[in-house]
Amino acid sequence: MTERAGRREWIALGVLALPLLLVSMDVSVLYFAVPFISADLGVSATEQLWIFDVYGFVLAGMLITMGALGDRIGRRRLLLIGAVAFGLASVAAAYAQNPEQLIAARAVLGIGGATLMPSTLALIRNLFHDAGQRQKAIAFWSAVMLGGISLGPVLGGVLLEHFWWGSVFLINTPAMVLLLVIAPVLLPEFKAPAQGRFDLLGSVLSLGAVLPVIWGIKEIAAHGVSGVAVVAVVAGLLVGVAFVQRQRTAAYPMVELGMFRNRAFSGALAANTIGMLALVGNAIFMTQYLQLVLGMSPLKAALWALVPSVAVGGAAPLSTALAGRFDRAYVLGGAFLLAASGFVLLTQIEIGSGLWVLLGGSGLLAAGLVMVMALITEAVVGAVAPERAGSASALMETCSEFGGALGIAVLGSIGTAAYRSDLKLPLGLPGEVAAGAREGLPAATAVAAQLPVNLHDAVLAAARQAFNHSLNVAAIVGAVLLVATAITITLVLRGTAEKVNAAVLADHG
């Protein structure tokens, strides 16, 4: 009979939620702080981009390495090492004296985050052996991760109302100290029994594969297709091929390629990527709509953006309850359809529509996708043996990073094309003003501010109408993508839930 978790394990889950919440918040906590940082440190436009992006780049690039390292040296040990790195880097970022120091500190934060995220999920695999309890724990984990991303801008805005910009980093340190005190008491240690030399070459290849692809996709999304960005993506993919070949031949590979033969595992990774693409892609449009179409302040927009997260609280437990009664593949397909219905509602937004249309559509999307994330995470973690949980978790989170980058690139690019095709500017505008307005709604808002009142209103109205059109088009594409994913994932994963236990036993063998 499978051992069931007790009060100690559920308290330990709360401990694991602490670093997960902070790491996920650190992705978005800088949204309001950048103007203050720029004014204080004299940050250039290029340095500002690196301050934003270096955390995510390093986090994505180091996940596979850290997942494999945690399986080898011990997941609790890696968690504690990561807590020290994350806490110290947060202090360094808070008191940075120049942009270079802040960029370096953000890079170290990315390394620390890469140790914390797979460790938290892999330790859940060790704490909760009963499949039903593990599903509930992972649903909680998924809700905390998505909630942290939503909470980051709000927390940043509140802190900046009362403290200096360094407070958005410094808040991490007391939490990391608390983690260092209580984690050794409540969390078990676990490491894979197999020993051998760590695959240093595989680690370098994984970094060389992930970083250029992520950077290239984001560069294409931000500035369009360029030779440098395409070369970066192609180079990353070629290094990725070398990484796979290395894993086939290494005596102690970082990633056991046999995991991908399990449909529950490989199908869940693909679905995870699509889910994050939809989530991040919608967030781009929602943030701009609240601030630039409805005219809200950044903090007010961030608070309204939290409203759809209310649906998240009940969605994750609902997904586990349904998965206990029905085939997980059908529940997962239904969750994708629920998310698609959110996109369908967003296609109905018009200038002058009530705020409820935007919030309702985003709420349905968030509810469906948090159900997806909870079910997918359980599929990934439950489909592999416990000693491989760290590597499996790291692969899932790497796919999340790719999905987020693709969301910006794919839906963002489609939205930009739709915006430019629908933009109808008044005649007689200076060439540089018209060119600026075609760059997007933020640029149009900036150039309109420099015009006389009558032209200002006309340019702004045209840009807002074009942006509304771009949101509708992106929502149509998103809905079609999610419906196609719902059908595909149901067919691919149908019947796999019953085979997971057998697959895990085979892994042990």
Protein backbone atom coordinates (compact mmCIF):
# COMPACT_ATOMS: atom_id res chain seq x y z
CA MET A 1 0.00 0.00 0.00
CA THR A 2 1.33 3.45 -0.94
CA GLU A 3 2.36 5.55 2.05
CA ARG A 4 0.16 8.64 2.45
CA ALA A 5 1.49 12.03 3.40
CA GLY A 6 0.63 13.53 6.78
CA ARG A 7 0.62 16.98 8.35
CA ARG A 8 4.42 17.27 8.20
CA GLU A 9 4.48 16.77 4.44
CA TRP A 10 1.73 19.33 3.82
CA ILE A 11 3.58 21.88 5.96
CA ALA A 12 6.71 21.09 3.93
CA LEU A 13 4.73 21.87 0.79
CA GLY A 14 4.09 25.34 2.19
CA VAL A 15 7.83 25.72 2.74
CA LEU A 16 8.49 24.78 -0.90
CA ALA A 17 5.93 27.36 -2.05
CA LEU A 18 8.05 30.18 -0.59
CA PRO A 19 11.02 30.01 -2.99
CA LEU A 20 8.73 29.16 -5.90
CA LEU A 21 6.65 32.29 -5.26
CA LEU A 22 9.71 34.53 -5.11
CA VAL A 23 11.38 33.07 -8.19
CA SER A 24 8.20 33.44 -10.26
CA MET A 25 7.61 36.98 -8.97
CA ASP A 26 11.15 37.99 -9.92
CA VAL A 27 10.19 37.52 -13.58
CA SER A 28 7.76 40.45 -13.43
CA VAL A 29 8.60 42.48 -10.32
CA LEU A 30 10.76 44.95 -12.29
CA TYR A 31 7.90 46.29 -14.45
CA PHE A 32 7.47 49.45 -12.36
CA ALA A 33 11.02 49.73 -11.04
CA VAL A 34 12.85 50.32 -14.33
CA PRO A 35 12.13 54.10 -14.57
CA PHE A 36 13.50 54.57 -11.04
CA ILE A 37 16.54 52.40 -11.78
CA SER A 38 17.18 54.30 -15.03
CA ALA A 39 17.04 57.66 -13.28
CA ASP A 40 19.31 56.55 -10.42
CA LEU A 41 21.93 54.54 -12.32
CA GLY A 42 21.84 56.23 -15.72
CA VAL A 43 20.80 53.09 -17.58
CA SER A 44 20.96 53.08 -21.40
CA ALA A 45 18.26 51.46 -23.53
CA THR A 46 20.45 48.43 -24.20
CA GLU A 47 21.37 48.05 -20.52
CA GLN A 48 17.68 48.32 -19.60
CA LEU A 49 16.88 45.38 -21.88
CA TRP A 50 19.65 43.31 -20.32
CA ILE A 51 18.47 44.15 -16.80
CA PHE A 52 15.05 42.83 -17.81
CA ASP A 53 16.10 39.80 -19.84
CA VAL A 54 19.30 38.41 -18.34
CA TYR A 55 17.41 36.80 -15.44
CA GLY A 56 15.14 34.82 -17.76
CA PHE A 57 17.98 33.94 -20.15
CA VAL A 58 20.22 32.50 -17.45
CA LEU A 59 17.30 30.81 -15.70
CA ALA A 60 16.27 29.04 -18.91
CA GLY A 61 19.82 28.10 -19.81
CA MET A 62 20.69 26.60 -16.43
CA LEU A 63 17.50 24.64 -15.66
CA ILE A 64 18.57 21.35 -17.26
CA THR A 65 21.99 21.50 -15.60
CA MET A 66 20.55 22.26 -12.18
CA GLY A 67 17.82 19.63 -12.45
CA ALA A 68 20.43 16.95 -13.20
CA LEU A 69 22.75 18.30 -10.50
CA GLY A 70 20.00 18.14 -7.89
CA ASP A 71 19.29 14.51 -8.75
CA ARG A 72 22.99 13.82 -8.20
CA ILE A 73 24.06 15.85 -5.14
CA GLY A 74 20.70 15.98 -3.39
CA ARG A 75 17.63 18.12 -4.07
CA ARG A 76 17.42 19.65 -0.60
CA ARG A 77 21.12 20.48 -0.69
CA LEU A 78 20.75 22.18 -4.07
CA LEU A 79 17.69 24.04 -2.80
CA LEU A 80 19.68 25.40 0.14
CA ILE A 81 22.64 26.34 -2.07
CA GLY A 82 20.22 28.12 -4.38
CA ALA A 83 18.62 29.94 -1.44
CA VAL A 84 22.03 31.31 -0.39
CA ALA A 85 22.83 32.41 -3.96
CA PHE A 86 19.39 33.95 -4.47
CA GLY A 87 19.49 35.81 -1.15
CA LEU A 88 23.00 37.21 -1.64
CA ALA A 89 22.34 38.16 -5.26
CA SER A 90 19.18 39.99 -4.15
CA VAL A 91 21.24 42.10 -1.74
CA ALA A 92 23.80 42.78 -4.47
CA ALA A 93 21.04 43.84 -6.89
CA ALA A 94 19.39 46.09 -4.30
CA TYR A 95 22.63 48.00 -3.63
CA ALA A 96 24.06 47.98 -7.17
CA GLN A 97 25.99 51.16 -7.91
CA ASN A 98 25.95 50.94 -11.70
CA PRO A 99 24.12 49.06 -14.50
CA GLU A 100 26.90 46.49 -14.88
CA GLN A 101 26.64 45.43 -11.23
CA LEU A 102 22.86 45.15 -11.51
CA ILE A 103 23.06 43.04 -14.69
CA ALA A 104 25.60 40.74 -13.04
CA ALA A 105 23.43 40.41 -9.92
CA ARG A 106 20.38 39.60 -12.07
CA ALA A 107 22.40 36.89 -13.82
CA VAL A 108 23.29 35.31 -10.47
CA LEU A 109 19.61 35.55 -9.50
CA GLY A 110 18.88 33.54 -12.64
CA ILE A 111 21.34 30.85 -11.55
CA GLY A 112 19.77 30.77 -8.10
CA GLY A 113 16.29 30.57 -9.60
CA ALA A 114 17.39 27.65 -11.79
CA THR A 115 18.41 25.72 -8.66
CA LEU A 116 15.18 26.50 -6.80
CA MET A 117 12.45 25.77 -9.35
CA PRO A 118 13.24 22.14 -10.31
CA SER A 119 14.21 21.34 -6.72
CA THR A 120 10.81 22.38 -5.37
CA LEU A 121 8.91 20.25 -7.86
CA ALA A 122 11.21 17.24 -7.59
CA LEU A 123 10.93 17.28 -3.78
CA ILE A 124 7.14 17.14 -4.11
CA ARG A 125 7.70 13.81 -5.89
CA ASN A 126 9.55 12.61 -2.78
CA LEU A 127 7.08 14.01 -0.25
CA PHE A 128 3.87 12.72 -1.85
CA HIS A 129 3.94 9.08 -2.93
CA ASP A 130 0.16 8.68 -3.17
CA ALA A 131 -0.95 9.72 -6.66
CA GLY A 132 -4.09 11.51 -5.45
CA GLN A 133 -2.24 13.54 -2.84
CA ARG A 134 0.53 14.32 -5.30
CA GLN A 135 -2.02 15.67 -7.77
CA LYS A 136 -3.35 18.06 -5.14
CA ALA A 137 0.15 19.16 -4.14
CA ILE A 138 1.13 19.80 -7.75
CA ALA A 139 -2.10 21.73 -8.36
CA PHE A 140 -1.10 23.98 -5.45
CA TRP A 141 2.44 24.28 -6.88
CA SER A 142 1.05 25.32 -10.28
CA ALA A 143 -1.28 27.92 -8.77
CA VAL A 144 1.56 29.42 -6.71
CA MET A 145 3.83 29.68 -9.76
CA LEU A 146 1.23 31.41 -11.95
CA GLY A 147 0.07 33.55 -9.04
CA GLY A 148 3.62 34.73 -8.40
CA ILE A 149 3.97 35.98 -11.98
CA SER A 150 0.72 37.96 -11.60
CA LEU A 151 1.59 39.25 -8.14
CA GLY A 152 5.07 40.53 -9.10
CA PRO A 153 3.98 43.84 -10.69
CA VAL A 154 1.54 44.60 -7.87
CA LEU A 155 4.12 43.94 -5.16
CA GLY A 156 6.66 46.02 -7.08
CA GLY A 157 4.22 48.90 -7.38
CA VAL A 158 3.33 48.84 -3.67
CA LEU A 159 6.98 48.71 -2.59
CA LEU A 160 7.91 51.61 -4.87
CA GLU A 161 5.14 53.68 -3.33
CA HIS A 162 6.97 53.58 0.01
CA PHE A 163 10.60 52.56 -0.54
CA TRP A 164 13.46 52.92 -3.03
CA TRP A 165 13.82 50.65 -6.07
CA GLY A 166 16.19 48.25 -4.30
CA SER A 167 13.32 47.09 -2.07
CA VAL A 168 11.89 44.99 -4.93
CA PHE A 169 15.04 42.85 -4.67
CA LEU A 170 15.69 43.10 -0.95
CA ILE A 171 12.34 41.52 -0.06
CA ASN A 172 13.77 38.17 -1.25
CA THR A 173 16.51 37.97 1.38
CA PRO A 174 14.46 37.49 4.60
CA ALA A 175 12.42 34.80 2.86
CA MET A 176 15.60 32.97 1.81
CA VAL A 177 16.95 33.17 5.37
CA LEU A 178 13.68 31.68 6.64
CA LEU A 179 13.96 28.90 4.07
CA LEU A 180 17.51 28.10 5.20
CA VAL A 181 16.29 27.75 8.79
CA ILE A 182 13.20 25.59 8.31
CA ALA A 183 13.98 23.57 5.16
CA PRO A 184 16.53 21.25 6.84
CA VAL A 185 13.95 20.40 9.50
CA LEU A 186 10.92 19.74 7.29
CA LEU A 187 12.25 18.68 3.90
CA PRO A 188 13.71 15.22 3.21
CA GLU A 189 16.91 14.77 1.27
CA PHE A 190 16.88 12.75 -1.92
CA LYS A 191 19.43 11.99 -4.60
CA ALA A 192 19.60 9.38 -7.31
CA PRO A 193 21.45 6.22 -6.24
CA ALA A 194 23.51 6.03 -9.44
CA GLN A 195 26.90 7.72 -9.14
CA GLY A 196 29.44 8.77 -11.74
CA ARG A 197 31.18 11.77 -13.20
CA PHE A 198 28.95 14.79 -13.77
CA ASP A 199 28.45 15.45 -17.48
CA LEU A 200 30.19 18.82 -17.71
CA LEU A 201 30.23 18.78 -21.52
CA GLY A 202 26.50 18.06 -21.56
CA SER A 203 25.95 21.01 -19.23
CA VAL A 204 27.85 23.36 -21.54
CA LEU A 205 25.94 22.03 -24.57
CA SER A 206 22.56 22.48 -22.86
CA LEU A 207 23.44 26.10 -22.09
CA GLY A 208 24.67 26.62 -25.64
CA ALA A 209 21.46 25.18 -27.05
CA VAL A 210 18.89 27.01 -24.91
CA LEU A 211 20.39 30.52 -24.62
CA PRO A 212 20.78 31.36 -28.35
CA VAL A 213 17.32 30.02 -29.22
CA ILE A 214 15.58 31.96 -26.42
CA TRP A 215 17.54 35.12 -27.25
CA GLY A 216 16.91 34.79 -30.98
CA ILE A 217 13.15 34.27 -30.55
CA LYS A 218 12.85 37.30 -28.27
CA GLU A 219 15.00 39.41 -30.62
CA ILE A 220 12.76 38.51 -33.56
CA ALA A 221 9.69 39.36 -31.48
CA ALA A 222 11.12 42.73 -30.45
CA HIS A 223 12.81 43.91 -33.65
CA GLY A 224 11.65 41.62 -36.45
CA VAL A 225 13.55 39.02 -38.42
CA SER A 226 17.27 39.78 -38.68
CA GLY A 227 20.31 37.82 -39.79
CA VAL A 228 21.83 37.80 -36.31
CA ALA A 229 18.64 36.51 -34.66
CA VAL A 230 18.14 33.77 -37.26
CA VAL A 231 21.80 32.70 -36.96
CA ALA A 232 21.39 32.55 -33.15
CA VAL A 233 18.33 30.30 -33.41
CA VAL A 234 19.93 28.01 -35.99
CA ALA A 235 23.16 27.81 -33.99
CA GLY A 236 21.23 26.95 -30.84
CA LEU A 237 19.32 24.21 -32.65
CA LEU A 238 22.57 22.73 -33.99
CA VAL A 239 24.08 22.73 -30.51
CA GLY A 240 20.84 21.10 -29.35
CA VAL A 241 21.43 18.26 -31.80
CA ALA A 242 24.93 17.87 -30.37
CA PHE A 243 23.45 17.84 -26.85
CA VAL A 244 21.05 15.03 -27.76
CA GLN A 245 23.88 13.03 -29.30
CA ARG A 246 25.94 13.57 -26.15
CA GLN A 247 23.08 12.25 -23.99
CA ARG A 248 22.91 9.13 -26.14
CA THR A 249 26.59 8.32 -25.64
CA ALA A 250 27.40 9.65 -22.14
CA ALA A 251 27.92 7.07 -19.40
CA TYR A 252 25.92 9.22 -16.95
CA PRO A 253 23.67 11.47 -19.09
CA MET A 254 21.99 14.57 -17.69
CA VAL A 255 18.74 13.66 -19.45
CA GLU A 256 17.62 10.08 -19.88
CA LEU A 257 16.27 10.13 -23.45
CA GLY A 258 14.22 7.02 -22.75
CA MET A 259 11.78 9.25 -20.85
CA PHE A 260 10.57 10.64 -24.17
CA ARG A 261 9.29 7.22 -25.23
CA ASN A 262 6.58 7.66 -22.60
CA ARG A 263 3.62 9.40 -24.33
CA ALA A 264 2.43 10.84 -21.03
CA PHE A 265 5.79 12.56 -20.59
CA SER A 266 6.52 13.82 -24.12
CA GLY A 267 2.90 14.80 -24.82
CA ALA A 268 2.74 16.77 -21.57
CA LEU A 269 5.92 18.70 -22.44
CA ALA A 270 4.44 19.72 -25.79
CA ALA A 271 1.15 20.76 -24.20
CA ASN A 272 3.04 22.74 -21.54
CA THR A 273 4.82 24.73 -24.26
CA ILE A 274 1.53 25.58 -26.00
CA GLY A 275 -0.12 26.54 -22.70
CA MET A 276 2.66 28.98 -21.78
CA LEU A 277 2.59 30.41 -25.33
CA ALA A 278 -1.09 31.26 -24.88
CA LEU A 279 -0.70 32.60 -21.35
CA VAL A 280 2.24 34.91 -22.05
CA GLY A 281 0.90 35.95 -25.44
CA ASN A 282 -2.38 37.11 -23.89
CA ALA A 283 -0.57 38.93 -21.06
CA ILE A 284 1.15 41.20 -23.60
CA PHE A 285 -2.17 42.39 -25.00
CA MET A 286 -3.97 42.61 -21.66
CA THR A 287 -1.31 44.82 -20.06
CA GLN A 288 -1.26 47.25 -22.98
CA TYR A 289 -5.05 47.33 -23.25
CA LEU A 290 -5.50 48.27 -19.60
CA GLN A 291 -2.84 50.98 -19.64
CA LEU A 292 -2.90 52.41 -23.17
CA VAL A 293 -6.47 51.85 -24.35
CA LEU A 294 -8.31 52.27 -21.05
CA GLY A 295 -5.78 54.79 -19.70
CA MET A 296 -5.09 53.16 -16.33
CA SER A 297 -1.99 53.88 -14.29
CA PRO A 298 0.52 51.00 -14.15
CA LEU A 299 -0.38 50.07 -10.57
CA LYS A 300 -4.13 50.27 -11.21
CA ALA A 301 -3.67 48.14 -14.33
CA ALA A 302 -1.66 45.58 -12.35
CA LEU A 303 -4.39 45.38 -9.71
CA TRP A 304 -7.11 44.87 -12.34
CA ALA A 305 -4.89 42.27 -14.03
CA LEU A 306 -5.05 40.26 -10.80
CA VAL A 307 -8.83 39.83 -11.14
CA PRO A 308 -8.61 36.91 -13.60
CA SER A 309 -6.35 35.15 -11.12
CA VAL A 310 -9.34 34.75 -8.81
CA ALA A 311 -10.52 31.97 -11.11
CA VAL A 312 -7.17 30.23 -10.70
CA GLY A 313 -7.79 29.43 -7.04
CA GLY A 314 -10.61 27.01 -7.78
CA ALA A 315 -9.40 25.78 -11.16
CA ALA A 316 -6.39 23.77 -9.98
CA PRO A 317 -8.29 21.73 -7.34
CA LEU A 318 -11.11 21.21 -9.84
CA SER A 319 -8.69 19.72 -12.35
CA THR A 320 -7.39 17.17 -9.83
CA ALA A 321 -10.93 16.25 -8.74
CA LEU A 322 -12.01 15.68 -12.35
CA ALA A 323 -8.83 13.74 -13.15
CA GLY A 324 -9.70 11.41 -10.28
CA ARG A 325 -13.01 10.50 -11.92
CA PHE A 326 -12.26 10.68 -15.64
CA ASP A 327 -9.38 9.92 -17.97
CA ARG A 328 -6.86 12.72 -17.53
CA ALA A 329 -6.60 13.15 -21.32
CA TYR A 330 -10.26 14.17 -21.56
CA VAL A 331 -9.97 16.55 -18.61
CA LEU A 332 -6.87 18.08 -20.19
CA GLY A 333 -8.66 18.47 -23.52
CA GLY A 334 -11.59 20.11 -21.74
CA ALA A 335 -9.22 22.50 -19.94
CA PHE A 336 -7.71 23.58 -23.27
CA LEU A 337 -11.23 24.14 -24.62
CA LEU A 338 -12.09 26.25 -21.56
CA ALA A 339 -8.98 28.34 -22.21
CA ALA A 340 -9.93 28.61 -25.89
CA SER A 341 -13.36 29.96 -24.87
CA GLY A 342 -11.50 32.80 -23.14
CA PHE A 343 -9.83 33.70 -26.40
CA VAL A 344 -13.21 33.49 -28.16
CA LEU A 345 -14.64 36.04 -25.71
CA LEU A 346 -11.64 38.30 -26.33
CA THR A 347 -12.48 38.36 -30.05
CA GLN A 348 -15.63 40.31 -29.07
CA ILE A 349 -13.78 43.23 -27.50
CA GLU A 350 -14.48 46.58 -29.15
CA ILE A 351 -13.57 50.14 -28.25
CA GLY A 352 -16.09 51.03 -25.58
CA SER A 353 -16.71 47.44 -24.47
CA GLY A 354 -17.10 46.97 -20.76
CA LEU A 355 -14.06 45.96 -18.77
CA TRP A 356 -15.82 42.68 -17.96
CA VAL A 357 -15.23 41.39 -21.52
CA LEU A 358 -11.45 41.67 -21.12
CA LEU A 359 -11.44 40.36 -17.57
CA GLY A 360 -13.93 37.59 -18.34
CA GLY A 361 -11.98 36.37 -21.35
CA SER A 362 -8.69 36.52 -19.48
CA GLY A 363 -10.28 34.77 -16.50
CA LEU A 364 -11.52 31.85 -18.61
CA LEU A 365 -8.11 31.63 -20.26
CA ALA A 366 -6.30 31.68 -16.90
CA ALA A 367 -8.67 29.11 -15.35
CA GLY A 368 -8.29 26.71 -18.27
CA LEU A 369 -4.51 27.07 -18.43
CA VAL A 370 -3.93 26.61 -14.70
CA MET A 371 -5.92 23.37 -15.00
CA VAL A 372 -3.65 22.44 -17.90
CA MET A 373 -0.49 23.28 -15.93
CA ALA A 374 -1.59 21.27 -12.91
CA LEU A 375 -2.46 18.20 -14.98
CA ILE A 376 0.64 18.45 -17.16
CA THR A 377 2.97 18.85 -14.20
CA GLU A 378 1.50 15.75 -12.60
CA ALA A 379 1.86 13.87 -15.90
CA VAL A 380 5.53 14.84 -16.18
CA VAL A 381 6.47 14.15 -12.57
CA GLY A 382 4.28 11.06 -12.21
CA ALA A 383 5.45 9.46 -15.44
CA VAL A 384 9.10 9.11 -14.37
CA ALA A 385 10.88 7.34 -11.55
CA PRO A 386 11.59 9.45 -8.43
CA GLU A 387 15.33 9.56 -9.15
CA ARG A 388 14.61 11.28 -12.47
CA ALA A 389 12.14 13.83 -11.13
CA GLY A 390 14.71 16.65 -11.04
CA SER A 391 15.68 16.27 -14.69
CA ALA A 392 12.03 15.87 -15.71
CA SER A 393 11.03 19.02 -13.78
CA ALA A 394 13.86 21.00 -15.36
CA LEU A 395 12.80 19.90 -18.85
CA MET A 396 9.23 20.98 -18.16
CA GLU A 397 10.30 24.39 -16.91
CA THR A 398 12.64 24.83 -19.87
CA CYS A 399 9.66 24.16 -22.15
CA SER A 400 7.77 26.82 -20.19
CA GLU A 401 10.51 29.35 -20.97
CA PHE A 402 10.40 28.41 -24.65
CA GLY A 403 6.61 28.67 -24.62
CA GLY A 404 6.74 32.14 -23.07
CA ALA A 405 9.27 33.33 -25.66
CA LEU A 406 7.14 31.86 -28.47
CA GLY A 407 4.06 33.57 -27.05
CA ILE A 408 5.77 36.94 -27.38
CA ALA A 409 7.14 36.09 -30.82
CA VAL A 410 4.14 34.34 -32.41
CA LEU A 411 1.08 36.11 -31.00
CA GLY A 412 3.03 39.36 -30.65
CA SER A 413 4.14 39.28 -34.28
CA ILE A 414 0.66 38.38 -35.52
CA GLY A 415 -0.76 41.22 -33.46
CA THR A 416 1.82 43.67 -34.84
CA ALA A 417 1.00 42.70 -38.43
CA ALA A 418 -2.75 43.06 -37.76
CA TYR A 419 -2.16 46.45 -36.07
CA ARG A 420 -0.23 47.83 -39.04
CA SER A 421 -2.73 46.53 -41.59
CA ASP A 422 -5.67 48.17 -39.77
CA LEU A 423 -4.00 51.46 -38.76
CA LYS A 424 -5.69 54.41 -40.52
CA LEU A 425 -3.78 57.55 -39.63
CA PRO A 426 -5.04 61.04 -40.54
CA LEU A 427 -3.59 62.54 -43.71
CA GLY A 428 -0.79 65.07 -43.60
CA LEU A 429 1.17 63.65 -40.68
CA PRO A 430 4.96 64.16 -40.76
CA GLY A 431 6.76 61.03 -41.99
CA GLU A 432 8.58 60.38 -38.71
CA VAL A 433 5.31 60.66 -36.74
CA ALA A 434 3.53 58.20 -39.03
CA ALA A 435 6.50 55.81 -38.91
CA GLY A 436 6.53 55.95 -35.11
CA ALA A 437 2.79 55.33 -34.87
CA ARG A 438 3.15 52.20 -37.04
CA GLU A 439 5.59 50.66 -34.56
CA GLY A 440 2.78 49.84 -32.14
CA LEU A 441 0.42 51.35 -29.58
CA PRO A 442 3.14 52.34 -27.05
CA ALA A 443 5.09 54.21 -29.75
CA ALA A 444 1.88 55.76 -31.14
CA THR A 445 0.96 57.00 -27.66
CA ALA A 446 4.41 58.55 -27.28
CA VAL A 447 4.39 60.37 -30.65
CA ALA A 448 0.78 61.51 -30.19
CA ALA A 449 1.78 63.28 -26.97
CA GLN A 450 3.97 65.63 -29.06
CA LEU A 451 1.17 66.68 -31.45
CA PRO A 452 -1.48 69.40 -31.28
CA VAL A 453 -4.70 68.42 -29.55
CA ASN A 454 -6.72 67.66 -32.69
CA LEU A 455 -4.00 65.46 -34.23
CA HIS A 456 -3.20 63.91 -30.85
CA ASP A 457 -6.78 62.69 -30.45
CA ALA A 458 -6.99 61.46 -34.05
CA VAL A 459 -3.71 59.52 -33.94
CA LEU A 460 -4.51 58.03 -30.53
CA ALA A 461 -8.02 56.98 -31.63
CA ALA A 462 -6.66 55.34 -34.79
CA ALA A 463 -3.90 53.53 -32.87
CA ARG A 464 -6.31 52.27 -30.20
CA GLN A 465 -8.74 51.01 -32.83
CA ALA A 466 -5.91 49.22 -34.66
CA PHE A 467 -4.66 47.71 -31.41
CA ASN A 468 -8.18 46.49 -30.62
CA HIS A 469 -8.21 44.82 -34.04
CA SER A 470 -4.80 43.23 -33.38
CA LEU A 471 -6.06 41.83 -30.07
CA ASN A 472 -9.09 40.30 -31.85
CA VAL A 473 -6.89 38.70 -34.52
CA ALA A 474 -4.40 37.32 -31.98
CA ALA A 475 -7.31 35.92 -29.96
CA ILE A 476 -8.68 34.14 -33.04
CA VAL A 477 -5.28 32.56 -33.68
CA GLY A 478 -4.96 31.63 -30.00
CA ALA A 479 -8.42 30.04 -29.95
CA VAL A 480 -7.69 27.95 -33.06
CA LEU A 481 -4.34 26.87 -31.62
CA LEU A 482 -5.86 25.81 -28.29
CA VAL A 483 -8.73 23.92 -29.91
CA ALA A 484 -6.26 22.05 -32.13
CA THR A 485 -4.13 21.30 -29.06
CA ALA A 486 -7.20 20.06 -27.15
CA ILE A 487 -8.00 17.55 -29.88
CA THR A 488 -4.40 16.43 -30.36
CA ILE A 489 -3.53 16.08 -26.69
CA THR A 490 -6.70 14.08 -26.00
CA LEU A 491 -5.80 11.60 -28.73
CA VAL A 492 -2.13 11.39 -27.70
CA LEU A 493 -2.65 11.00 -23.94
CA ARG A 494 -5.83 8.93 -23.96
CA GLY A 495 -5.33 5.93 -21.70
CA THR A 496 -1.84 6.89 -20.52
CA ALA A 497 -2.84 7.64 -16.93
CA GLU A 498 -3.41 3.95 -16.26
CA LYS A 499 0.05 3.15 -17.62
CA VAL A 500 2.01 5.63 -15.50
CA ASN A 501 2.54 3.28 -12.58
CA ALA A 502 3.77 0.57 -14.91
CA ALA A 503 6.16 3.05 -16.56
CA VAL A 504 7.54 4.11 -13.19
CA LEU A 505 8.06 0.50 -12.16
CA ALA A 506 9.85 -0.13 -15.44
CA ASP A 507 12.09 2.88 -14.77
CA HIS A 508 13.02 1.39 -11.42
CA GLY A 509 13.85 -1.86 -13.11
